[in-house]
Each structure stands twice: as C-alpha cells, then as structure tokens.
Amino acid sequence: MTLIVAPVRYPLDHRSKATLARAIQLMEDRDADLTVLHVNLYQNGHRVTRRDLKEAVEREFGRVTNGRFVVRTGFLVEESILDEVAAENADVVVVGREQSSLWRRLLRRLTSNPNIDEYLRRNLDCEIVTAEATPS
C-alpha cells in the first residue's frame, strides 16, 4: 500500500491545512495510508503530543481513516522530516511551497544539487507533491 507523509506545523496554520487537504485528497485517490508528522524542536521548548496533533487535524478535517499521527523531536525540521520519510520508506511526501524552499536551502548546504524532487527520488525513492496555500 502507498504511504504518504505530510509534515505540518502545530498549531495548524493555513499552510499546514493546505498540506493536509492535499495529502488527504491523495490518500483517498490512491487508497493510501497517511502519516501526519509534526517535529518538536529541541530549542523552542514547546512540546506537542500525538494526541494534540490528532485532535487538531480531526477537528479541521474529520476522522482520517487511514491516518497515523507522529510527533518527532529534533534540532532541524527538514532533517527530522527526511529521517521520518526514510524510516517509513514513504512513497509520497506532501510539503507546502514554503517548506519546499527550506528544503532547497538545506540541500544546497549538503549537495551541489538543490532539486528536492530529484534528491529524494534518488536517495529515498520518493515522490514530492507541493501544496499551494492561500493566505488566511
């Protein structure tokens, strides 16, 4: 079965809601499983629980039948997301346009090729879908 990973911020902002809407649509279209991921940063001191994340998503979108909610802790959001995508062997990652730009900057530091799609496809065998957010 296809696995989709959707990294989001908490509390859910308009970008996270757009990412989730796109991920849920893909989940339904592809009869896939969905992992909703939030990364608690060590340095900011805020601790979101899995339950917090699940309740916020389900308040906004209703019950996510094939959904799994994961909260990881790390220093860099992008690296934590890459770690989760690799650990889960995800088929698809849905990111917002802003997150896509952050990943490009990270990849410029790590490699000479800032093309996220190509990098993830080559290193993680993963499709990237970018969600468009409209300002709230």
N, C-alpha and C. Protein backbone atom coordinates (compact mmCIF):
# COMPACT_ATOMS: atom_id res chain seq x y z
N MET A 1 0.85 -1.18 0.00
CA MET A 1 0.00 0.00 0.00
C MET A 1 0.89 1.25 0.00
N THR A 2 0.45 2.27 -0.69
CA THR A 2 1.17 3.53 -0.77
C THR A 2 1.15 4.24 0.58
N LEU A 3 2.28 4.83 0.96
CA LEU A 3 2.36 5.61 2.20
C LEU A 3 2.70 7.06 1.85
N ILE A 4 1.87 7.95 2.37
CA ILE A 4 2.05 9.39 2.18
C ILE A 4 2.44 9.99 3.51
N VAL A 5 3.45 10.86 3.52
CA VAL A 5 3.85 11.59 4.73
C VAL A 5 3.56 13.06 4.51
N ALA A 6 2.89 13.67 5.48
CA ALA A 6 2.55 15.10 5.42
C ALA A 6 3.09 15.80 6.66
N PRO A 7 4.23 16.47 6.55
CA PRO A 7 4.76 17.22 7.69
C PRO A 7 3.97 18.52 7.88
N VAL A 8 3.59 18.82 9.13
CA VAL A 8 2.80 20.02 9.41
C VAL A 8 3.30 20.73 10.65
N ARG A 9 2.91 21.99 10.75
CA ARG A 9 3.18 22.76 11.96
C ARG A 9 2.01 22.62 12.92
N TYR A 10 2.30 22.89 14.18
CA TYR A 10 1.24 22.92 15.19
C TYR A 10 1.43 24.17 16.03
N PRO A 11 0.38 24.92 16.28
CA PRO A 11 -0.98 24.70 15.80
C PRO A 11 -1.05 24.81 14.28
N LEU A 12 -2.08 24.19 13.71
CA LEU A 12 -2.22 24.17 12.26
C LEU A 12 -2.45 25.58 11.74
N ASP A 13 -1.59 26.02 10.83
CA ASP A 13 -1.79 27.31 10.17
C ASP A 13 -2.34 27.05 8.77
N HIS A 14 -2.55 28.11 7.99
CA HIS A 14 -3.15 27.93 6.66
C HIS A 14 -2.28 27.07 5.75
N ARG A 15 -0.96 27.13 5.93
CA ARG A 15 -0.06 26.30 5.11
C ARG A 15 -0.21 24.82 5.49
N SER A 16 -0.27 24.55 6.79
CA SER A 16 -0.44 23.17 7.25
C SER A 16 -1.79 22.61 6.80
N LYS A 17 -2.82 23.44 6.85
CA LYS A 17 -4.15 23.00 6.42
C LYS A 17 -4.15 22.67 4.92
N ALA A 18 -3.44 23.48 4.13
CA ALA A 18 -3.35 23.22 2.69
C ALA A 18 -2.58 21.92 2.44
N THR A 19 -1.50 21.70 3.18
CA THR A 19 -0.73 20.47 3.05
C THR A 19 -1.59 19.27 3.40
N LEU A 20 -2.34 19.37 4.50
CA LEU A 20 -3.20 18.26 4.91
C LEU A 20 -4.33 18.01 3.92
N ALA A 21 -4.93 19.07 3.41
CA ALA A 21 -6.02 18.90 2.44
C ALA A 21 -5.51 18.14 1.22
N ARG A 22 -4.33 18.52 0.74
CA ARG A 22 -3.75 17.84 -0.44
C ARG A 22 -3.39 16.39 -0.10
N ALA A 23 -2.81 16.18 1.07
CA ALA A 23 -2.42 14.82 1.47
C ALA A 23 -3.63 13.92 1.65
N ILE A 24 -4.69 14.44 2.24
CA ILE A 24 -5.91 13.64 2.44
C ILE A 24 -6.55 13.32 1.09
N GLN A 25 -6.53 14.29 0.18
CA GLN A 25 -7.05 14.04 -1.17
C GLN A 25 -6.27 12.92 -1.84
N LEU A 26 -4.94 12.98 -1.77
CA LEU A 26 -4.10 11.92 -2.35
C LEU A 26 -4.35 10.58 -1.68
N MET A 27 -4.50 10.60 -0.35
CA MET A 27 -4.77 9.37 0.40
C MET A 27 -6.03 8.70 -0.13
N GLU A 28 -7.07 9.51 -0.31
CA GLU A 28 -8.34 8.96 -0.80
C GLU A 28 -8.23 8.50 -2.25
N ASP A 29 -7.59 9.31 -3.11
CA ASP A 29 -7.45 8.97 -4.52
C ASP A 29 -6.65 7.70 -4.74
N ARG A 30 -5.63 7.50 -3.92
CA ARG A 30 -4.72 6.37 -4.11
C ARG A 30 -4.98 5.22 -3.15
N ASP A 31 -6.02 5.34 -2.33
CA ASP A 31 -6.30 4.34 -1.31
C ASP A 31 -5.03 4.05 -0.52
N ALA A 32 -4.44 5.12 0.00
CA ALA A 32 -3.13 5.06 0.66
C ALA A 32 -3.27 5.22 2.18
N ASP A 33 -2.17 4.99 2.86
CA ASP A 33 -2.05 5.31 4.28
C ASP A 33 -1.40 6.69 4.37
N LEU A 34 -1.72 7.42 5.44
CA LEU A 34 -1.20 8.77 5.62
C LEU A 34 -0.56 8.89 6.99
N THR A 35 0.68 9.37 7.02
CA THR A 35 1.34 9.73 8.27
C THR A 35 1.40 11.24 8.34
N VAL A 36 0.74 11.81 9.37
CA VAL A 36 0.79 13.24 9.63
C VAL A 36 1.91 13.44 10.64
N LEU A 37 2.91 14.23 10.26
CA LEU A 37 4.13 14.38 11.06
C LEU A 37 4.29 15.81 11.56
N HIS A 38 4.59 15.94 12.83
CA HIS A 38 4.99 17.24 13.40
C HIS A 38 6.33 17.04 14.08
N VAL A 39 7.20 18.06 13.96
CA VAL A 39 8.52 17.99 14.60
C VAL A 39 8.59 19.03 15.72
N ASN A 40 8.74 18.54 16.96
CA ASN A 40 9.03 19.42 18.10
C ASN A 40 10.51 19.75 18.03
N LEU A 41 10.85 21.02 18.05
CA LEU A 41 12.25 21.41 18.03
C LEU A 41 12.79 21.45 19.46
N TYR A 42 13.96 20.83 19.67
CA TYR A 42 14.58 20.83 20.99
C TYR A 42 14.70 22.26 21.53
N GLN A 43 15.12 23.17 20.65
CA GLN A 43 15.48 24.51 21.09
C GLN A 43 14.30 25.42 21.41
N ASN A 44 13.07 25.09 21.00
CA ASN A 44 11.98 26.03 21.27
C ASN A 44 11.19 25.70 22.52
N GLY A 45 11.38 24.53 23.09
CA GLY A 45 10.76 24.19 24.36
C GLY A 45 9.29 23.83 24.31
N HIS A 46 8.63 23.97 23.17
CA HIS A 46 7.21 23.60 23.07
C HIS A 46 7.11 22.11 22.80
N ARG A 47 6.18 21.46 23.47
CA ARG A 47 6.01 20.03 23.29
C ARG A 47 4.58 19.73 22.87
N VAL A 48 4.44 19.34 21.63
CA VAL A 48 3.14 18.93 21.10
C VAL A 48 3.07 17.42 21.25
N THR A 49 1.93 16.92 21.68
CA THR A 49 1.77 15.47 21.80
C THR A 49 1.07 14.93 20.56
N ARG A 50 1.15 13.65 20.41
CA ARG A 50 0.47 12.95 19.32
C ARG A 50 -1.04 13.21 19.41
N ARG A 51 -1.55 13.19 20.61
CA ARG A 51 -2.97 13.43 20.82
C ARG A 51 -3.37 14.85 20.41
N ASP A 52 -2.52 15.86 20.76
CA ASP A 52 -2.77 17.25 20.34
C ASP A 52 -2.88 17.32 18.82
N LEU A 53 -1.93 16.70 18.15
CA LEU A 53 -1.88 16.73 16.69
C LEU A 53 -3.11 16.06 16.09
N LYS A 54 -3.42 14.88 16.57
CA LYS A 54 -4.57 14.13 16.05
C LYS A 54 -5.87 14.92 16.25
N GLU A 55 -6.08 15.47 17.43
CA GLU A 55 -7.30 16.22 17.72
C GLU A 55 -7.42 17.46 16.82
N ALA A 56 -6.31 18.16 16.61
CA ALA A 56 -6.33 19.36 15.75
C ALA A 56 -6.68 18.99 14.31
N VAL A 57 -6.07 17.93 13.80
CA VAL A 57 -6.32 17.51 12.42
C VAL A 57 -7.77 17.05 12.28
N GLU A 58 -8.25 16.26 13.21
CA GLU A 58 -9.61 15.74 13.11
C GLU A 58 -10.67 16.82 13.35
N ARG A 59 -10.35 17.85 14.12
CA ARG A 59 -11.27 19.00 14.27
C ARG A 59 -11.43 19.70 12.93
N GLU A 60 -10.35 19.80 12.19
CA GLU A 60 -10.36 20.52 10.92
C GLU A 60 -10.89 19.68 9.76
N PHE A 61 -10.55 18.38 9.73
CA PHE A 61 -10.83 17.53 8.56
C PHE A 61 -11.73 16.34 8.85
N GLY A 62 -12.11 16.12 10.09
CA GLY A 62 -12.86 14.93 10.42
C GLY A 62 -11.91 13.75 10.62
N ARG A 63 -12.47 12.60 10.87
CA ARG A 63 -11.66 11.41 11.11
C ARG A 63 -10.87 11.04 9.86
N VAL A 64 -9.58 10.78 10.05
CA VAL A 64 -8.71 10.36 8.95
C VAL A 64 -8.55 8.85 9.09
N THR A 65 -9.33 8.12 8.29
CA THR A 65 -9.44 6.68 8.47
C THR A 65 -8.13 5.91 8.30
N ASN A 66 -7.33 6.29 7.35
CA ASN A 66 -6.05 5.61 7.14
C ASN A 66 -4.90 6.44 7.69
N GLY A 67 -5.19 7.25 8.71
CA GLY A 67 -4.19 8.17 9.24
C GLY A 67 -3.45 7.67 10.46
N ARG A 68 -2.24 8.10 10.55
CA ARG A 68 -1.36 7.83 11.68
C ARG A 68 -0.74 9.17 12.04
N PHE A 69 -0.59 9.45 13.32
CA PHE A 69 -0.10 10.75 13.77
C PHE A 69 1.21 10.53 14.52
N VAL A 70 2.25 11.26 14.07
CA VAL A 70 3.59 11.06 14.60
C VAL A 70 4.17 12.41 15.01
N VAL A 71 4.77 12.44 16.21
CA VAL A 71 5.49 13.63 16.66
C VAL A 71 6.92 13.20 16.95
N ARG A 72 7.85 13.85 16.29
CA ARG A 72 9.28 13.58 16.49
C ARG A 72 9.92 14.82 17.10
N THR A 73 11.09 14.66 17.69
CA THR A 73 11.84 15.77 18.26
C THR A 73 13.19 15.84 17.57
N GLY A 74 13.61 17.06 17.22
CA GLY A 74 14.89 17.22 16.54
C GLY A 74 15.37 18.65 16.60
N PHE A 75 16.57 18.89 16.07
CA PHE A 75 17.13 20.24 16.02
C PHE A 75 16.73 20.96 14.74
N LEU A 76 16.66 20.22 13.63
CA LEU A 76 16.30 20.81 12.35
C LEU A 76 15.07 20.09 11.79
N VAL A 77 14.05 20.86 11.47
CA VAL A 77 12.81 20.29 10.97
C VAL A 77 13.06 19.45 9.72
N GLU A 78 13.80 20.02 8.77
CA GLU A 78 13.99 19.35 7.49
C GLU A 78 14.69 18.01 7.65
N GLU A 79 15.72 17.97 8.49
CA GLU A 79 16.43 16.70 8.70
C GLU A 79 15.54 15.68 9.39
N SER A 80 14.73 16.13 10.33
CA SER A 80 13.81 15.23 11.02
C SER A 80 12.78 14.66 10.05
N ILE A 81 12.32 15.50 9.12
CA ILE A 81 11.37 15.03 8.11
C ILE A 81 12.04 14.00 7.21
N LEU A 82 13.24 14.29 6.75
CA LEU A 82 13.96 13.34 5.90
C LEU A 82 14.17 12.01 6.63
N ASP A 83 14.51 12.08 7.91
CA ASP A 83 14.70 10.85 8.70
C ASP A 83 13.41 10.04 8.75
N GLU A 84 12.28 10.72 8.98
CA GLU A 84 10.99 10.02 9.07
C GLU A 84 10.61 9.41 7.72
N VAL A 85 10.82 10.16 6.65
CA VAL A 85 10.49 9.67 5.31
C VAL A 85 11.32 8.41 5.01
N ALA A 86 12.60 8.46 5.36
CA ALA A 86 13.46 7.29 5.13
C ALA A 86 13.06 6.12 6.01
N ALA A 87 12.79 6.38 7.29
CA ALA A 87 12.44 5.31 8.23
C ALA A 87 11.12 4.64 7.84
N GLU A 88 10.18 5.42 7.35
CA GLU A 88 8.87 4.89 6.97
C GLU A 88 8.87 4.30 5.56
N ASN A 89 9.94 4.57 4.81
CA ASN A 89 10.01 4.16 3.41
C ASN A 89 8.79 4.71 2.65
N ALA A 90 8.55 6.02 2.84
CA ALA A 90 7.38 6.68 2.26
C ALA A 90 7.47 6.70 0.74
N ASP A 91 6.29 6.65 0.13
CA ASP A 91 6.19 6.72 -1.32
C ASP A 91 6.00 8.16 -1.79
N VAL A 92 5.30 8.95 -0.97
CA VAL A 92 4.96 10.33 -1.34
C VAL A 92 5.14 11.21 -0.10
N VAL A 93 5.69 12.41 -0.32
CA VAL A 93 5.74 13.42 0.73
C VAL A 93 5.02 14.65 0.20
N VAL A 94 4.08 15.16 0.99
CA VAL A 94 3.36 16.38 0.62
C VAL A 94 3.91 17.51 1.46
N VAL A 95 4.46 18.53 0.80
CA VAL A 95 5.01 19.68 1.50
C VAL A 95 4.40 20.95 0.93
N GLY A 96 4.37 21.97 1.76
CA GLY A 96 3.94 23.29 1.31
C GLY A 96 5.05 23.94 0.51
N ARG A 97 4.69 24.93 -0.27
CA ARG A 97 5.68 25.64 -1.08
C ARG A 97 6.80 26.22 -0.22
N GLU A 98 6.45 26.78 0.94
CA GLU A 98 7.46 27.36 1.83
C GLU A 98 8.42 26.28 2.34
N GLN A 99 7.90 25.12 2.72
CA GLN A 99 8.73 24.02 3.17
C GLN A 99 9.65 23.55 2.05
N SER A 100 9.14 23.55 0.84
CA SER A 100 9.94 23.17 -0.31
C SER A 100 11.16 24.09 -0.45
N SER A 101 10.96 25.38 -0.23
CA SER A 101 12.06 26.34 -0.31
C SER A 101 13.09 26.09 0.79
N LEU A 102 12.63 25.77 2.00
CA LEU A 102 13.56 25.46 3.08
C LEU A 102 14.39 24.22 2.75
N TRP A 103 13.75 23.20 2.16
CA TRP A 103 14.48 22.01 1.79
C TRP A 103 15.53 22.33 0.73
N ARG A 104 15.20 23.20 -0.21
CA ARG A 104 16.19 23.58 -1.24
C ARG A 104 17.43 24.20 -0.60
N ARG A 105 17.22 25.08 0.38
CA ARG A 105 18.36 25.70 1.07
C ARG A 105 19.18 24.65 1.81
N LEU A 106 18.51 23.72 2.48
CA LEU A 106 19.22 22.66 3.18
C LEU A 106 20.04 21.83 2.20
N LEU A 107 19.44 21.45 1.08
CA LEU A 107 20.14 20.63 0.10
C LEU A 107 21.32 21.36 -0.52
N ARG A 108 21.22 22.68 -0.68
CA ARG A 108 22.36 23.45 -1.19
C ARG A 108 23.56 23.31 -0.26
N ARG A 109 23.27 23.24 1.05
CA ARG A 109 24.36 23.08 2.02
C ARG A 109 24.93 21.67 1.98
N LEU A 110 24.07 20.68 1.69
CA LEU A 110 24.50 19.28 1.73
C LEU A 110 25.03 18.76 0.40
N THR A 111 24.50 19.29 -0.71
CA THR A 111 24.88 18.78 -2.03
C THR A 111 25.03 19.95 -2.99
N SER A 112 25.48 19.65 -4.18
CA SER A 112 25.58 20.70 -5.20
C SER A 112 24.29 20.81 -6.00
N ASN A 113 23.31 19.95 -5.73
CA ASN A 113 22.07 19.94 -6.49
C ASN A 113 20.88 20.21 -5.58
N PRO A 114 20.28 21.43 -5.65
CA PRO A 114 19.18 21.76 -4.75
C PRO A 114 17.80 21.29 -5.23
N ASN A 115 17.75 20.36 -6.17
CA ASN A 115 16.47 19.88 -6.67
C ASN A 115 15.93 18.81 -5.72
N ILE A 116 14.94 19.18 -4.91
CA ILE A 116 14.41 18.29 -3.88
C ILE A 116 13.83 17.02 -4.47
N ASP A 117 13.00 17.20 -5.49
CA ASP A 117 12.39 16.03 -6.13
C ASP A 117 13.45 15.02 -6.53
N GLU A 118 14.44 15.51 -7.26
CA GLU A 118 15.49 14.62 -7.75
C GLU A 118 16.28 13.99 -6.60
N TYR A 119 16.64 14.80 -5.61
CA TYR A 119 17.41 14.31 -4.47
C TYR A 119 16.65 13.20 -3.73
N LEU A 120 15.39 13.47 -3.40
CA LEU A 120 14.62 12.47 -2.65
C LEU A 120 14.34 11.24 -3.49
N ARG A 121 14.07 11.45 -4.76
CA ARG A 121 13.80 10.31 -5.63
C ARG A 121 15.05 9.42 -5.73
N ARG A 122 16.21 10.07 -5.85
CA ARG A 122 17.46 9.32 -5.98
C ARG A 122 17.85 8.65 -4.66
N ASN A 123 17.69 9.36 -3.53
CA ASN A 123 18.15 8.85 -2.25
C ASN A 123 17.08 8.11 -1.45
N LEU A 124 15.82 8.45 -1.66
CA LEU A 124 14.77 7.83 -0.88
C LEU A 124 13.69 7.20 -1.74
N ASP A 125 13.81 7.33 -3.04
CA ASP A 125 12.82 6.78 -3.96
C ASP A 125 11.42 7.25 -3.58
N CYS A 126 11.24 8.57 -3.62
CA CYS A 126 10.04 9.18 -3.08
C CYS A 126 9.54 10.29 -4.01
N GLU A 127 8.22 10.37 -4.15
CA GLU A 127 7.58 11.44 -4.94
C GLU A 127 7.29 12.62 -4.01
N ILE A 128 7.51 13.83 -4.51
CA ILE A 128 7.21 15.03 -3.73
C ILE A 128 6.02 15.75 -4.38
N VAL A 129 5.03 16.08 -3.57
CA VAL A 129 3.87 16.83 -4.03
C VAL A 129 3.87 18.14 -3.24
N THR A 130 3.81 19.26 -3.96
CA THR A 130 3.79 20.56 -3.30
C THR A 130 2.36 21.07 -3.21
N ALA A 131 1.97 21.48 -2.00
CA ALA A 131 0.63 22.01 -1.76
C ALA A 131 0.67 23.53 -1.79
N GLU A 132 -0.28 24.12 -2.47
CA GLU A 132 -0.40 25.58 -2.54
C GLU A 132 -1.29 26.07 -1.41
N ALA A 133 -0.79 27.01 -0.64
CA ALA A 133 -1.60 27.58 0.44
C ALA A 133 -2.08 28.96 0.02
N THR A 134 -3.31 29.25 0.36
CA THR A 134 -3.82 30.61 0.13
C THR A 134 -3.84 31.30 1.48
N PRO A 135 -3.42 32.57 1.54
CA PRO A 135 -3.36 33.26 2.82
C PRO A 135 -4.72 33.27 3.51
N SER A 136 -4.68 33.12 4.83
CA SER A 136 -5.93 33.09 5.58
C SER A 136 -6.39 34.49 5.94
